[in-house]
Amino acid sequence: MNLERLQLKGMLAESKKKFRALDTECSGLVLLLRSLLNPYEEVLKLDTEKISVSVERLSNAQNEMRELSEKIKKLECELE
């Protein structure tokens, strides 16, 4: 097996690992947001600062996942 192919496989494995980690983080953020946005709690008691930070992180992670998904597709195509 040539060196370039091994490098591509390493990059693919690294990208998939990061994608899974981001996916896990996003799942946790969704659960956190659900608990922070409790519909049975008074609106004035909602921690909007924490909600805002969590939504921002979720958005950033989602964008990273989109980029990684494209990168993974390209790497898989190159390995075929």
Protein backbone atom coordinates (compact mmCIF):
# COMPACT_ATOMS: atom_id res chain seq x y z
CA MET A 1 0.00 0.00 0.00
CA ASN A 2 1.43 3.36 -0.91
CA LEU A 3 2.07 6.18 1.52
CA GLU A 4 -0.53 8.56 0.05
CA ARG A 5 -3.30 5.98 0.43
CA LEU A 6 -2.32 5.42 4.06
CA GLN A 7 -2.39 9.17 4.68
CA LEU A 8 -5.87 9.41 3.13
CA LYS A 9 -7.09 6.57 5.34
CA GLY A 10 -5.66 8.33 8.39
CA MET A 11 -7.33 11.60 7.43
CA LEU A 12 -10.62 9.77 6.88
CA ALA A 13 -10.44 8.02 10.25
CA GLU A 14 -9.60 11.31 11.98
CA SER A 15 -12.48 13.12 10.27
CA LYS A 16 -14.96 10.38 11.17
CA LYS A 17 -13.78 10.41 14.79
CA LYS A 18 -14.22 14.18 15.01
CA PHE A 19 -17.65 13.93 13.34
CA ARG A 20 -18.81 11.36 15.92
CA ALA A 21 -17.51 13.52 18.78
CA LEU A 22 -19.38 16.55 17.44
CA ASP A 23 -22.51 14.46 16.97
CA THR A 24 -22.33 13.38 20.61
CA GLU A 25 -21.76 16.97 21.72
CA CYS A 26 -24.75 18.17 19.67
CA SER A 27 -26.99 15.51 21.21
CA GLY A 28 -25.95 16.72 24.65
CA LEU A 29 -26.59 20.34 23.69
CA VAL A 30 -30.07 19.49 22.42
CA LEU A 31 -30.87 17.79 25.73
CA LEU A 32 -29.49 20.77 27.64
CA LEU A 33 -31.55 23.21 25.58
CA ARG A 34 -34.69 21.17 26.15
CA SER A 35 -34.15 21.35 29.89
CA LEU A 36 -33.34 25.07 29.77
CA LEU A 37 -36.41 25.79 27.67
CA ASN A 38 -38.79 24.18 30.13
CA PRO A 39 -42.29 25.18 28.95
CA TYR A 40 -43.65 24.86 32.48
CA GLU A 41 -41.29 27.45 33.92
CA GLU A 42 -42.00 31.16 33.97
CA VAL A 43 -40.42 33.06 31.09
CA LEU A 44 -38.69 35.45 33.44
CA LYS A 45 -36.86 32.58 35.12
CA LEU A 46 -35.33 31.24 31.90
CA ASP A 47 -31.53 31.50 31.77
CA THR A 48 -31.38 33.21 28.38
CA GLU A 49 -27.62 33.76 28.59
CA LYS A 50 -27.00 30.02 28.96
CA ILE A 51 -29.56 29.28 26.25
CA SER A 52 -27.88 31.74 23.89
CA VAL A 53 -24.40 30.29 24.47
CA SER A 54 -25.70 26.74 23.98
CA VAL A 55 -27.50 27.62 20.75
CA GLU A 56 -24.38 29.36 19.42
CA ARG A 57 -22.23 26.31 20.19
CA LEU A 58 -24.82 23.99 18.63
CA SER A 59 -24.85 26.11 15.48
CA ASN A 60 -21.04 26.12 15.26
CA ALA A 61 -20.86 22.36 15.82
CA GLN A 62 -23.53 21.79 13.18
CA ASN A 63 -21.53 23.84 10.67
CA GLU A 64 -18.37 21.88 11.52
CA MET A 65 -20.29 18.65 10.98
CA ARG A 66 -21.46 19.80 7.56
CA GLU A 67 -17.89 20.62 6.55
CA LEU A 68 -16.63 17.31 7.90
CA SER A 69 -19.37 15.43 6.09
CA GLU A 70 -18.25 16.92 2.78
CA LYS A 71 -14.61 16.18 3.59
CA ILE A 72 -15.46 12.57 4.47
CA LYS A 73 -17.35 12.13 1.18
CA LYS A 74 -14.39 13.51 -0.80
CA LEU A 75 -11.89 11.31 1.05
CA GLU A 76 -14.03 8.21 0.52
CA CYS A 77 -14.30 8.99 -3.19
CA GLU A 78 -10.53 9.38 -3.44
CA LEU A 79 -10.01 6.02 -1.75
CA GLU A 80 -12.23 4.16 -4.21
